[in-house]
Amino acid sequence: MNYTESSPLAESPAIGFTPELESIIPVPSNGTSCENWREIHHLVFHIANIFFAVGLVIPTTLHLHMILLRGMLTIGCTLYIVWATLYRCALDIMIWNSVFLGINILHLSYLLYKKRPVKIEKELKGIYQRLFEPLHVPPDLFRRLTGQFCMIQTLKKGQTYAAEDKTSVDDRLSILLKGKMKVSYRGHFLHNIYPCAFIDSPEFRSTQMHKGEKFQVTIIADDNCRFLCWSRERLTYFLESEPFLYEIFRYLIGKDITNKLYSLNDPTLNDKTIKKLDHQLSLCTQLSMLEMRNSIVSSSDSEDGLHQFLRSTSSMSSLPGDGTDKPD
């Protein structure tokens, strides 16, 4: 029978290698516990983990939560790279944490870019602070609203913004920036329009259901005026793509109509008084200014008809819930 005998010389290297290998690689006594624990890592390693832990426990309610989180992760990854390079000499740990560091730096840079101060034109800062900032509209969103499809226009004293039965209400929506405008119907004074107020909010609300209407009032510049003017069609498309801003406009338009109703009830109201009435919204915001102006026409073409309408608005403003009527 052919067989190969093992030579003592061939076995000797294996016999001599095994004890040496066992001394280098400690073998656990069982599969669930370590017999020989390695020494504690360098302090840099633990500081890096502290930054990771702090970043993960930052409350999400903080305004700068994501920026702080990404900042902590960036510092932690940097310390990990220092530890892996100088104290551990582990190339794989250094490479992975370099990748994580790059990702966090990019995300942190993006967040800081979004938080950059957005410069609002000086002429528009008043309406932003008065109308949009209290409703938590971000400056960048306001800049998009006022920077693409609107323009600032000027009217000299005595010039007409809209003429009754002639000017279409479908073309634009405007906010007065400077000056004062006077609204009248067939020569009868109705109310004034002051800065930071919509010029044609009643018509905007009414023509959302009826197109092709004409102004039923005349609006004339009582001073040299400047106003912000949007293209009605482009503004509508933009608001459809921004649901939050759409609701903001609905609220502002309704509040502006309410202020105009108070002005109809008391044409002597000035801008300071109107500011105090800003929070007093009522069912009147659901009315159409065109319907009210139609009621003036149907009542009479004389001053008596106008006074009759103003008395009806006075009784409307004293409905229960507005604070004017109290139980006996």
Protein backbone atom coordinates (compact mmCIF):
# COMPACT_ATOMS: atom_id res chain seq x y z
CA MET A 1 0.00 0.00 0.00
CA ASN A 2 1.31 3.43 -0.91
CA TYR A 3 1.18 6.05 1.86
CA THR A 4 3.21 9.02 2.88
CA GLU A 5 4.74 9.12 6.31
CA SER A 6 4.75 12.38 8.12
CA SER A 7 8.23 13.61 8.73
CA PRO A 8 9.16 14.97 12.14
CA LEU A 9 10.79 17.88 10.34
CA ALA A 10 7.48 18.75 8.64
CA GLU A 11 5.60 18.72 11.92
CA SER A 12 8.07 20.82 13.82
CA PRO A 13 7.14 24.23 12.32
CA ALA A 14 3.47 23.68 13.10
CA ILE A 15 4.27 22.53 16.59
CA GLY A 16 6.40 25.58 17.16
CA PHE A 17 3.87 28.02 15.59
CA THR A 18 0.78 27.13 17.56
CA PRO A 19 1.87 28.32 21.02
CA GLU A 20 3.14 31.55 19.52
CA LEU A 21 -0.18 32.18 17.70
CA GLU A 22 -2.15 31.47 20.85
CA SER A 23 -0.09 34.01 22.76
CA ILE A 24 -0.86 36.73 20.15
CA ILE A 25 -4.63 36.12 19.70
CA PRO A 26 -6.47 35.51 22.97
CA VAL A 27 -9.21 32.96 22.53
CA PRO A 28 -12.42 33.55 24.54
CA SER A 29 -13.27 30.86 27.01
CA ASN A 30 -16.88 30.86 25.69
CA GLY A 31 -18.98 32.49 22.96
CA THR A 32 -20.74 35.12 25.10
CA SER A 33 -18.07 36.87 27.18
CA CYS A 34 -14.62 38.35 26.73
CA GLU A 35 -11.83 37.02 28.93
CA ASN A 36 -9.28 39.70 28.14
CA TRP A 37 -10.57 43.29 27.80
CA ARG A 38 -8.46 45.82 25.96
CA GLU A 39 -7.29 49.00 27.62
CA ILE A 40 -9.50 52.10 27.64
CA HIS A 41 -9.19 54.32 24.56
CA HIS A 42 -7.63 57.75 24.59
CA LEU A 43 -9.51 60.75 26.05
CA VAL A 44 -10.11 62.19 22.55
CA PHE A 45 -12.28 59.18 21.72
CA HIS A 46 -14.54 59.79 24.74
CA ILE A 47 -14.83 63.53 24.11
CA ALA A 48 -15.97 62.78 20.55
CA ASN A 49 -18.72 60.50 21.87
CA ILE A 50 -19.79 63.18 24.36
CA PHE A 51 -20.37 65.57 21.43
CA PHE A 52 -22.41 62.90 19.65
CA ALA A 53 -24.53 62.38 22.77
CA VAL A 54 -25.12 66.11 23.28
CA GLY A 55 -26.22 66.50 19.66
CA LEU A 56 -28.74 63.67 19.96
CA VAL A 57 -30.39 65.03 23.13
CA ILE A 58 -30.92 68.61 21.85
CA PRO A 59 -34.71 69.28 22.04
CA THR A 60 -36.44 69.61 18.70
CA THR A 61 -38.37 72.58 20.06
CA LEU A 62 -35.27 74.77 19.86
CA HIS A 63 -35.30 77.15 16.92
CA LEU A 64 -31.74 76.18 15.86
CA HIS A 65 -32.12 72.48 16.64
CA MET A 66 -30.86 71.13 13.30
CA ILE A 67 -27.92 73.56 13.15
CA LEU A 68 -26.81 72.60 16.66
CA LEU A 69 -27.20 68.89 15.89
CA ARG A 70 -25.11 69.11 12.72
CA GLY A 71 -22.52 71.21 14.55
CA MET A 72 -22.13 68.61 17.29
CA LEU A 73 -21.85 65.78 14.76
CA THR A 74 -19.21 67.73 12.84
CA ILE A 75 -17.08 68.25 15.97
CA GLY A 76 -17.51 64.61 16.96
CA CYS A 77 -16.41 63.33 13.54
CA THR A 78 -13.39 65.65 13.59
CA LEU A 79 -12.28 64.29 16.98
CA TYR A 80 -12.81 60.74 15.75
CA ILE A 81 -10.48 61.43 12.83
CA VAL A 82 -7.85 62.85 15.22
CA TRP A 83 -8.17 59.82 17.46
CA ALA A 84 -8.01 57.29 14.60
CA THR A 85 -5.00 59.03 13.01
CA LEU A 86 -2.81 59.88 16.00
CA TYR A 87 -3.69 57.30 18.63
CA ARG A 88 -5.30 54.32 16.90
CA CYS A 89 -3.59 54.34 13.50
CA ALA A 90 -6.76 52.88 11.97
CA LEU A 91 -7.12 53.85 8.33
CA ASP A 92 -10.68 52.52 7.94
CA ILE A 93 -11.99 54.51 10.94
CA MET A 94 -10.32 57.66 9.62
CA ILE A 95 -11.81 57.20 6.12
CA TRP A 96 -15.37 56.54 7.31
CA ASN A 97 -15.38 59.50 9.67
CA SER A 98 -13.95 61.72 6.93
CA VAL A 99 -16.96 60.77 4.79
CA PHE A 100 -19.35 61.53 7.68
CA LEU A 101 -17.56 64.81 8.33
CA GLY A 102 -17.99 65.89 4.70
CA ILE A 103 -21.71 65.08 4.74
CA ASN A 104 -22.29 67.01 7.98
CA ILE A 105 -20.31 70.03 6.77
CA LEU A 106 -22.40 70.18 3.58
CA HIS A 107 -25.68 69.92 5.51
CA LEU A 108 -24.54 72.47 8.09
CA SER A 109 -23.55 74.89 5.33
CA TYR A 110 -26.98 74.49 3.71
CA LEU A 111 -28.77 75.17 7.01
CA LEU A 112 -26.65 78.25 7.69
CA TYR A 113 -27.35 79.50 4.16
CA LYS A 114 -31.09 79.17 4.74
CA LYS A 115 -30.78 81.11 8.00
CA ARG A 116 -28.87 83.95 6.39
CA PRO A 117 -30.44 87.38 6.92
CA VAL A 118 -32.70 88.16 3.97
CA LYS A 119 -32.56 91.78 2.94
CA ILE A 120 -35.98 93.34 2.42
CA GLU A 121 -36.24 96.58 0.49
CA LYS A 122 -36.58 99.58 2.77
CA GLU A 123 -39.81 100.63 1.08
CA LEU A 124 -41.38 97.20 1.68
CA LYS A 125 -40.15 96.74 5.24
CA GLY A 126 -43.16 98.60 6.64
CA ILE A 127 -45.80 96.28 5.15
CA TYR A 128 -43.73 93.22 6.08
CA GLN A 129 -43.44 94.28 9.72
CA ARG A 130 -47.07 95.43 9.89
CA LEU A 131 -48.86 92.67 7.95
CA PHE A 132 -46.73 89.60 7.30
CA GLU A 133 -44.18 89.28 10.11
CA PRO A 134 -46.83 88.99 12.89
CA LEU A 135 -48.27 86.03 10.94
CA HIS A 136 -44.84 84.31 10.87
CA VAL A 137 -44.23 84.68 7.14
CA PRO A 138 -40.48 84.03 6.60
CA PRO A 139 -38.52 86.90 5.02
CA ASP A 140 -37.41 84.70 2.11
CA LEU A 141 -41.03 83.79 1.30
CA PHE A 142 -42.04 87.46 1.47
CA ARG A 143 -39.16 88.32 -0.84
CA ARG A 144 -40.38 85.71 -3.33
CA LEU A 145 -43.86 87.17 -3.08
CA THR A 146 -42.72 90.71 -3.79
CA GLY A 147 -39.79 90.04 -6.10
CA GLN A 148 -41.18 88.23 -9.14
CA PHE A 149 -44.52 89.46 -10.42
CA CYS A 150 -45.20 92.80 -8.78
CA MET A 151 -43.97 96.37 -9.12
CA ILE A 152 -44.04 99.62 -7.23
CA GLN A 153 -46.07 102.31 -8.96
CA THR A 154 -46.66 106.00 -8.29
CA LEU A 155 -49.71 108.25 -8.44
CA LYS A 156 -49.56 112.00 -8.08
CA LYS A 157 -52.14 113.88 -6.08
CA GLY A 158 -55.44 113.97 -7.93
CA GLN A 159 -54.68 111.08 -10.26
CA THR A 160 -57.15 108.20 -10.48
CA TYR A 161 -56.39 104.63 -9.47
CA ALA A 162 -59.81 103.35 -10.53
CA ALA A 163 -62.90 104.90 -12.08
CA GLU A 164 -66.35 103.49 -11.35
CA ASP A 165 -68.00 101.54 -14.15
CA LYS A 166 -64.84 101.88 -16.28
CA THR A 167 -61.80 100.21 -14.68
CA SER A 168 -61.68 96.41 -14.64
CA VAL A 169 -61.10 94.74 -11.28
CA ASP A 170 -59.48 91.62 -12.83
CA ASP A 171 -56.06 93.09 -13.53
CA ARG A 172 -54.32 93.79 -10.23
CA LEU A 173 -54.23 93.79 -6.44
CA SER A 174 -52.42 96.60 -4.63
CA ILE A 175 -51.23 97.66 -1.18
CA LEU A 176 -50.68 101.34 -0.44
CA LEU A 177 -47.12 102.07 0.69
CA LYS A 178 -47.16 105.83 1.04
CA GLY A 179 -49.73 108.62 0.91
CA LYS A 180 -53.52 108.53 1.19
CA MET A 181 -56.32 107.64 -1.22
CA LYS A 182 -59.95 108.67 -1.21
CA VAL A 183 -62.80 106.33 -2.15
CA SER A 184 -66.07 107.81 -3.39
CA TYR A 185 -69.27 106.69 -5.08
CA ARG A 186 -70.94 109.08 -7.53
CA GLY A 187 -69.25 111.99 -5.81
CA HIS A 188 -70.15 110.84 -2.27
CA PHE A 189 -67.15 110.26 -0.02
CA LEU A 190 -67.00 106.74 1.48
CA HIS A 191 -63.67 106.31 3.27
CA ASN A 192 -59.93 106.85 3.08
CA ILE A 193 -57.18 104.32 2.39
CA TYR A 194 -54.00 104.62 4.44
CA PRO A 195 -50.52 103.03 4.10
CA CYS A 196 -50.24 99.26 4.69
CA ALA A 197 -53.87 98.78 3.57
CA PHE A 198 -55.10 97.01 0.45
CA ILE A 199 -56.52 99.37 -2.13
CA ASP A 200 -58.91 96.96 -3.84
CA SER A 201 -59.44 94.10 -1.38
CA PRO A 202 -63.28 94.09 -1.71
CA GLU A 203 -63.03 93.73 -5.47
CA PHE A 204 -60.42 90.97 -5.10
CA ARG A 205 -62.72 88.97 -2.81
CA SER A 206 -65.76 89.53 -5.02
CA THR A 207 -64.13 88.66 -8.33
CA GLN A 208 -62.94 85.30 -7.05
CA MET A 209 -66.43 84.12 -8.02
CA HIS A 210 -67.42 86.66 -10.69
CA LYS A 211 -65.06 87.68 -13.47
CA GLY A 212 -65.27 90.71 -15.73
CA GLU A 213 -66.56 93.12 -13.06
CA LYS A 214 -65.92 96.85 -13.09
CA PHE A 215 -65.06 99.07 -10.15
CA GLN A 216 -68.24 100.50 -8.64
CA VAL A 217 -66.31 103.22 -6.83
CA THR A 218 -63.75 105.84 -7.78
CA ILE A 219 -60.38 105.75 -6.04
CA ILE A 220 -58.29 108.92 -6.28
CA ALA A 221 -54.88 109.76 -4.80
CA ASP A 222 -55.41 112.35 -2.07
CA ASP A 223 -51.62 112.75 -1.73
CA ASN A 224 -48.62 111.70 -3.75
CA CYS A 225 -48.91 107.92 -3.43
CA ARG A 226 -46.76 104.87 -3.97
CA PHE A 227 -48.26 101.40 -3.97
CA LEU A 228 -47.19 97.79 -4.46
CA CYS A 229 -49.10 96.22 -7.33
CA TRP A 230 -49.42 92.51 -8.15
CA SER A 231 -50.61 91.01 -11.41
CA ARG A 232 -53.87 89.33 -10.35
CA GLU A 233 -53.43 86.25 -12.57
CA ARG A 234 -49.81 85.57 -11.64
CA LEU A 235 -50.49 86.17 -7.96
CA THR A 236 -53.33 83.63 -8.05
CA TYR A 237 -51.07 80.99 -9.61
CA PHE A 238 -48.36 81.68 -7.04
CA LEU A 239 -50.76 81.41 -4.10
CA GLU A 240 -52.05 78.08 -5.42
CA SER A 241 -48.51 76.72 -5.13
CA GLU A 242 -48.06 78.16 -1.61
CA PRO A 243 -50.97 76.99 0.59
CA PHE A 244 -49.59 78.72 3.70
CA LEU A 245 -49.35 82.08 1.94
CA TYR A 246 -52.78 81.52 0.40
CA GLU A 247 -54.31 81.30 3.88
CA ILE A 248 -52.35 84.39 4.96
CA PHE A 249 -53.81 86.37 2.06
CA ARG A 250 -57.34 85.19 2.85
CA TYR A 251 -56.91 86.43 6.41
CA LEU A 252 -55.36 89.77 5.41
CA ILE A 253 -58.00 90.44 2.76
CA GLY A 254 -60.80 89.64 5.21
CA LYS A 255 -59.28 91.88 7.89
CA ASP A 256 -58.83 94.71 5.40
CA ILE A 257 -62.49 94.46 4.32
CA THR A 258 -63.48 94.62 7.99
CA ASN A 259 -61.48 97.81 8.44
CA LYS A 260 -63.16 99.32 5.39
CA LEU A 261 -66.56 98.44 6.86
CA TYR A 262 -65.66 100.29 10.03
CA SER A 263 -64.51 103.20 7.88
CA LEU A 264 -67.87 103.21 6.07
CA ASN A 265 -69.58 103.33 9.44
CA ASP A 266 -67.35 106.21 10.58
CA PRO A 267 -65.50 107.89 7.69
CA THR A 268 -63.54 110.03 10.18
CA LEU A 269 -61.50 107.02 11.37
CA ASN A 270 -57.79 107.65 10.95
CA ASP A 271 -54.93 105.21 10.50
CA LYS A 272 -54.18 104.94 14.24
CA THR A 273 -57.77 104.05 15.03
CA ILE A 274 -57.83 101.43 12.29
CA LYS A 275 -54.76 99.77 13.83
CA LYS A 276 -56.72 99.27 17.05
CA LEU A 277 -59.50 97.55 15.10
CA ASP A 278 -57.20 95.08 13.36
CA HIS A 279 -58.02 92.27 15.79
CA GLN A 280 -61.79 92.83 15.72
CA LEU A 281 -62.77 90.49 12.86
CA SER A 282 -66.46 89.79 12.38
CA LEU A 283 -68.96 88.23 10.04
CA CYS A 284 -68.69 91.32 7.92
CA THR A 285 -65.56 89.86 6.29
CA GLN A 286 -67.80 87.41 4.45
CA LEU A 287 -69.72 90.19 2.72
CA SER A 288 -68.92 91.43 -0.74
CA MET A 289 -68.14 95.09 -1.10
CA LEU A 290 -69.84 94.96 -4.48
CA GLU A 291 -73.06 93.87 -2.81
CA MET A 292 -72.80 96.74 -0.33
CA ARG A 293 -72.20 99.20 -3.11
CA ASN A 294 -75.12 97.72 -5.04
CA SER A 295 -77.27 98.31 -1.98
CA ILE A 296 -76.34 101.99 -2.12
CA VAL A 297 -77.48 102.12 -5.73
CA SER A 298 -80.73 100.25 -5.07
CA SER A 299 -81.59 102.44 -2.08
CA SER A 300 -81.28 105.78 -3.80
CA ASP A 301 -79.04 107.86 -5.99
CA SER A 302 -79.11 110.65 -3.45
CA GLU A 303 -77.34 111.31 -0.17
CA ASP A 304 -80.36 109.85 1.69
CA GLY A 305 -79.62 106.47 0.16
CA LEU A 306 -76.01 106.69 1.28
CA HIS A 307 -76.98 107.63 4.83
CA GLN A 308 -79.49 104.77 4.91
CA PHE A 309 -76.74 102.31 4.00
CA LEU A 310 -74.36 103.74 6.60
CA ARG A 311 -77.06 103.32 9.27
CA SER A 312 -77.48 99.68 8.25
CA THR A 313 -73.73 99.06 8.60
CA SER A 314 -73.87 100.69 12.02
CA SER A 315 -76.52 98.23 13.19
CA MET A 316 -74.50 95.37 11.68
CA SER A 317 -71.39 96.33 13.65
CA SER A 318 -73.37 96.11 16.91
CA LEU A 319 -74.30 92.43 16.49
CA PRO A 320 -73.82 90.27 19.62
CA GLY A 321 -70.20 89.22 20.01
CA ASP A 322 -68.53 92.48 19.05
CA GLY A 323 -68.54 93.85 22.57
CA THR A 324 -70.99 96.71 21.98
CA ASP A 325 -74.17 95.11 23.31
CA LYS A 326 -74.35 93.91 26.89
CA PRO A 327 -77.22 92.05 28.57
CA ASP A 328 -79.28 94.02 31.00
